[in-house]
Amino acid sequence: MEDQDNLRVVQEMLAAQKRRDTTAVLDALTDDVEWRGSSDITGSSVLNGREEVGRFLTTIFEDVEIMESEISDFLAQGDKVVLLGRETFRIKSTGRTQENNFAVVYTVRDGKIARCQAYDDTAVVMSAFSA
């Protein structure tokens, strides 16, 4: 696939995430997707397969309110798409609001996302989930 095709795959998945459309997000992933985060907010920082990612998304969509989100840069080269951004979010269960800067690296294979590696401010994210 061309760089722009891979970028489109990621942007469409992000639009589905913003709509909280779990089915559309999962449809954009390979069956054997590896989803890695730098914060262990659901009991594991590594999720394997669409089923585990689906459970993670359900938890996030229920407990996290994204108040503001801005992606400042998209970089696409070969099978990699990198995005840089920042967000302000509130955790419903704790009532805490935080700001977080993040980077995410996606690997696209055959028109689907095969790997996601998120980098964020772990201390910020974990403190938001702490009671």
C-alpha atoms as a PDB file:
ATOM      1  CA  MET A   1       0.000   0.000   0.000  1.00  0.00           C
ATOM      2  CA  GLU A   2       1.015   3.572  -0.518  1.00  0.00           C
ATOM      3  CA  ASP A   3       1.849   5.821   2.425  1.00  0.00           C
ATOM      4  CA  GLN A   4      -1.351   7.822   1.895  1.00  0.00           C
ATOM      5  CA  ASP A   5      -3.466   4.647   1.840  1.00  0.00           C
ATOM      6  CA  ASN A   6      -2.039   3.625   5.214  1.00  0.00           C
ATOM      7  CA  LEU A   7      -2.647   7.111   6.551  1.00  0.00           C
ATOM      8  CA  ARG A   8      -6.280   6.902   5.404  1.00  0.00           C
ATOM      9  CA  VAL A   9      -6.726   3.536   7.208  1.00  0.00           C
ATOM     10  CA  VAL A  10      -5.504   5.070  10.479  1.00  0.00           C
ATOM     11  CA  GLN A  11      -7.522   8.275  10.074  1.00  0.00           C
ATOM     12  CA  GLU A  12     -10.710   6.290   9.435  1.00  0.00           C
ATOM     13  CA  MET A  13     -10.067   4.168  12.536  1.00  0.00           C
ATOM     14  CA  LEU A  14      -9.481   7.333  14.596  1.00  0.00           C
ATOM     15  CA  ALA A  15     -12.752   8.807  13.335  1.00  0.00           C
ATOM     16  CA  ALA A  16     -14.513   5.606  14.470  1.00  0.00           C
ATOM     17  CA  GLN A  17     -12.804   5.904  17.868  1.00  0.00           C
ATOM     18  CA  LYS A  18     -14.003   9.488  18.179  1.00  0.00           C
ATOM     19  CA  ARG A  19     -17.569   8.312  17.427  1.00  0.00           C
ATOM     20  CA  ARG A  20     -17.055   5.527  19.995  1.00  0.00           C
ATOM     21  CA  ASP A  21     -17.942   3.015  17.304  1.00  0.00           C
ATOM     22  CA  THR A  22     -16.269  -0.116  18.640  1.00  0.00           C
ATOM     23  CA  THR A  23     -17.392  -2.258  15.693  1.00  0.00           C
ATOM     24  CA  ALA A  24     -15.830   0.094  13.141  1.00  0.00           C
ATOM     25  CA  VAL A  25     -12.600   0.336  15.139  1.00  0.00           C
ATOM     26  CA  LEU A  26     -12.330  -3.442  15.380  1.00  0.00           C
ATOM     27  CA  ASP A  27     -13.091  -3.816  11.664  1.00  0.00           C
ATOM     28  CA  ALA A  28     -10.005  -1.683  10.956  1.00  0.00           C
ATOM     29  CA  LEU A  29      -7.752  -4.126  12.857  1.00  0.00           C
ATOM     30  CA  THR A  30      -6.177  -7.412  11.835  1.00  0.00           C
ATOM     31  CA  ASP A  31      -7.398 -10.478  13.743  1.00  0.00           C
ATOM     32  CA  ASP A  32      -3.945 -10.810  15.359  1.00  0.00           C
ATOM     33  CA  VAL A  33      -3.511  -7.110  16.189  1.00  0.00           C
ATOM     34  CA  GLU A  34      -1.042  -6.219  18.933  1.00  0.00           C
ATOM     35  CA  TRP A  35      -2.157  -3.125  20.875  1.00  0.00           C
ATOM     36  CA  ARG A  36       0.415  -1.698  23.288  1.00  0.00           C
ATOM     37  CA  GLY A  37       0.065   1.203  25.669  1.00  0.00           C
ATOM     38  CA  SER A  38       2.528   2.781  28.023  1.00  0.00           C
ATOM     39  CA  SER A  39      -0.089   2.918  30.791  1.00  0.00           C
ATOM     40  CA  ASP A  40      -1.434  -0.220  32.449  1.00  0.00           C
ATOM     41  CA  ILE A  41      -4.968   1.076  33.019  1.00  0.00           C
ATOM     42  CA  THR A  42      -6.813  -2.159  32.268  1.00  0.00           C
ATOM     43  CA  GLY A  43      -4.545  -4.739  33.858  1.00  0.00           C
ATOM     44  CA  SER A  44      -2.252  -5.192  30.879  1.00  0.00           C
ATOM     45  CA  SER A  45      -0.221  -2.836  28.750  1.00  0.00           C
ATOM     46  CA  VAL A  46      -0.237  -5.388  25.886  1.00  0.00           C
ATOM     47  CA  LEU A  47      -3.467  -6.528  24.258  1.00  0.00           C
ATOM     48  CA  ASN A  48      -3.441  -9.324  21.706  1.00  0.00           C
ATOM     49  CA  GLY A  49      -6.228  -9.771  19.196  1.00  0.00           C
ATOM     50  CA  ARG A  50      -9.409  -7.926  18.419  1.00  0.00           C
ATOM     51  CA  GLU A  51     -11.331  -9.430  21.343  1.00  0.00           C
ATOM     52  CA  GLU A  52      -8.926  -8.012  23.944  1.00  0.00           C
ATOM     53  CA  VAL A  53      -8.853  -4.645  22.183  1.00  0.00           C
ATOM     54  CA  GLY A  54     -12.670  -4.664  22.125  1.00  0.00           C
ATOM     55  CA  ARG A  55     -12.842  -5.170  25.899  1.00  0.00           C
ATOM     56  CA  PHE A  56     -10.309  -2.358  26.383  1.00  0.00           C
ATOM     57  CA  LEU A  57     -12.317   0.009  24.170  1.00  0.00           C
ATOM     58  CA  THR A  58     -15.537  -0.793  26.025  1.00  0.00           C
ATOM     59  CA  THR A  59     -13.857   0.122  29.325  1.00  0.00           C
ATOM     60  CA  ILE A  60     -12.345   3.310  27.921  1.00  0.00           C
ATOM     61  CA  PHE A  61     -15.511   4.431  26.150  1.00  0.00           C
ATOM     62  CA  GLU A  62     -17.527   3.943  29.354  1.00  0.00           C
ATOM     63  CA  ASP A  63     -15.133   5.665  31.776  1.00  0.00           C
ATOM     64  CA  VAL A  64     -13.224   8.304  29.788  1.00  0.00           C
ATOM     65  CA  GLU A  65     -14.661  11.571  28.549  1.00  0.00           C
ATOM     66  CA  ILE A  66     -12.414  13.231  25.972  1.00  0.00           C
ATOM     67  CA  MET A  67     -12.926  16.936  26.513  1.00  0.00           C
ATOM     68  CA  GLU A  68     -10.430  18.107  23.921  1.00  0.00           C
ATOM     69  CA  SER A  69      -8.163  16.273  21.512  1.00  0.00           C
ATOM     70  CA  GLU A  70      -5.792  17.637  18.908  1.00  0.00           C
ATOM     71  CA  ILE A  71      -3.511  15.732  16.591  1.00  0.00           C
ATOM     72  CA  SER A  72      -0.732  18.083  15.558  1.00  0.00           C
ATOM     73  CA  ASP A  73       1.149  15.810  13.163  1.00  0.00           C
ATOM     74  CA  PHE A  74       0.622  12.724  11.036  1.00  0.00           C
ATOM     75  CA  LEU A  75       3.685  11.070   9.536  1.00  0.00           C
ATOM     76  CA  ALA A  76       3.352   8.162   7.108  1.00  0.00           C
ATOM     77  CA  GLN A  77       6.193   6.144   5.661  1.00  0.00           C
ATOM     78  CA  GLY A  78       6.052   2.587   4.434  1.00  0.00           C
ATOM     79  CA  ASP A  79       3.878   0.487   6.734  1.00  0.00           C
ATOM     80  CA  LYS A  80       4.161   2.992   9.633  1.00  0.00           C
ATOM     81  CA  VAL A  81       1.843   5.865  10.516  1.00  0.00           C
ATOM     82  CA  VAL A  82       2.849   8.065  13.448  1.00  0.00           C
ATOM     83  CA  LEU A  83       0.682  10.664  15.098  1.00  0.00           C
ATOM     84  CA  LEU A  84       1.547  13.273  17.694  1.00  0.00           C
ATOM     85  CA  GLY A  85      -1.033  15.050  19.771  1.00  0.00           C
ATOM     86  CA  ARG A  86      -2.449  16.161  23.056  1.00  0.00           C
ATOM     87  CA  GLU A  87      -5.728  15.649  24.855  1.00  0.00           C
ATOM     88  CA  THR A  88      -7.665  16.754  27.879  1.00  0.00           C
ATOM     89  CA  PHE A  89      -9.758  14.018  29.421  1.00  0.00           C
ATOM     90  CA  ARG A  90     -11.869  13.310  32.479  1.00  0.00           C
ATOM     91  CA  ILE A  91     -12.180   9.963  34.216  1.00  0.00           C
ATOM     92  CA  LYS A  92     -15.808   9.524  35.207  1.00  0.00           C
ATOM     93  CA  SER A  93     -15.101   7.091  38.061  1.00  0.00           C
ATOM     94  CA  THR A  94     -12.617   9.432  39.782  1.00  0.00           C
ATOM     95  CA  GLY A  95     -13.789  12.806  38.510  1.00  0.00           C
ATOM     96  CA  ARG A  96     -10.197  13.734  37.696  1.00  0.00           C
ATOM     97  CA  THR A  97      -9.306  15.802  34.648  1.00  0.00           C
ATOM     98  CA  GLN A  98      -5.843  15.646  33.100  1.00  0.00           C
ATOM     99  CA  GLU A  99      -3.927  16.826  30.065  1.00  0.00           C
ATOM    100  CA  ASN A 100      -1.749  14.354  28.213  1.00  0.00           C
ATOM    101  CA  ASN A 101       0.710  14.600  25.345  1.00  0.00           C
ATOM    102  CA  PHE A 102       0.977  11.445  23.282  1.00  0.00           C
ATOM    103  CA  ALA A 103       2.550   9.753  20.295  1.00  0.00           C
ATOM    104  CA  VAL A 104       1.164   6.650  18.635  1.00  0.00           C
ATOM    105  CA  VAL A 105       2.856   4.424  16.067  1.00  0.00           C
ATOM    106  CA  TYR A 106       0.609   2.246  13.911  1.00  0.00           C
ATOM    107  CA  THR A 107       1.762  -0.555  11.638  1.00  0.00           C
ATOM    108  CA  VAL A 108      -0.558  -1.256   8.719  1.00  0.00           C
ATOM    109  CA  ARG A 109      -0.641  -4.627   6.970  1.00  0.00           C
ATOM    110  CA  ASP A 110      -2.858  -5.422   3.983  1.00  0.00           C
ATOM    111  CA  GLY A 111      -5.110  -2.431   4.617  1.00  0.00           C
ATOM    112  CA  LYS A 112      -5.654  -3.096   8.336  1.00  0.00           C
ATOM    113  CA  ILE A 113      -3.905  -1.992  11.506  1.00  0.00           C
ATOM    114  CA  ALA A 114      -1.701  -4.834  12.745  1.00  0.00           C
ATOM    115  CA  ARG A 115       0.050  -3.032  15.597  1.00  0.00           C
ATOM    116  CA  CYS A 116      -0.513   0.011  17.759  1.00  0.00           C
ATOM    117  CA  GLN A 117       2.117   1.351  20.161  1.00  0.00           C
ATOM    118  CA  ALA A 118       1.002   4.322  22.250  1.00  0.00           C
ATOM    119  CA  TYR A 119       3.376   6.545  24.202  1.00  0.00           C
ATOM    120  CA  ASP A 120       1.935   8.935  26.741  1.00  0.00           C
ATOM    121  CA  ASP A 121       2.750  10.519  30.077  1.00  0.00           C
ATOM    122  CA  THR A 122       2.229   7.436  32.214  1.00  0.00           C
ATOM    123  CA  ALA A 123       2.208   9.368  35.494  1.00  0.00           C
ATOM    124  CA  VAL A 124      -0.537  11.700  34.225  1.00  0.00           C
ATOM    125  CA  VAL A 125      -2.720   8.910  32.908  1.00  0.00           C
ATOM    126  CA  MET A 126      -2.336   6.654  35.939  1.00  0.00           C
ATOM    127  CA  SER A 127      -2.990   9.503  38.396  1.00  0.00           C
ATOM    128  CA  ALA A 128      -6.244  10.295  36.600  1.00  0.00           C
ATOM    129  CA  PHE A 129      -7.462   6.735  37.203  1.00  0.00           C
ATOM    130  CA  SER A 130      -6.356   6.730  40.861  1.00  0.00           C
ATOM    131  CA  ALA A 131      -9.038   7.438  43.433  1.00  0.00           C
END
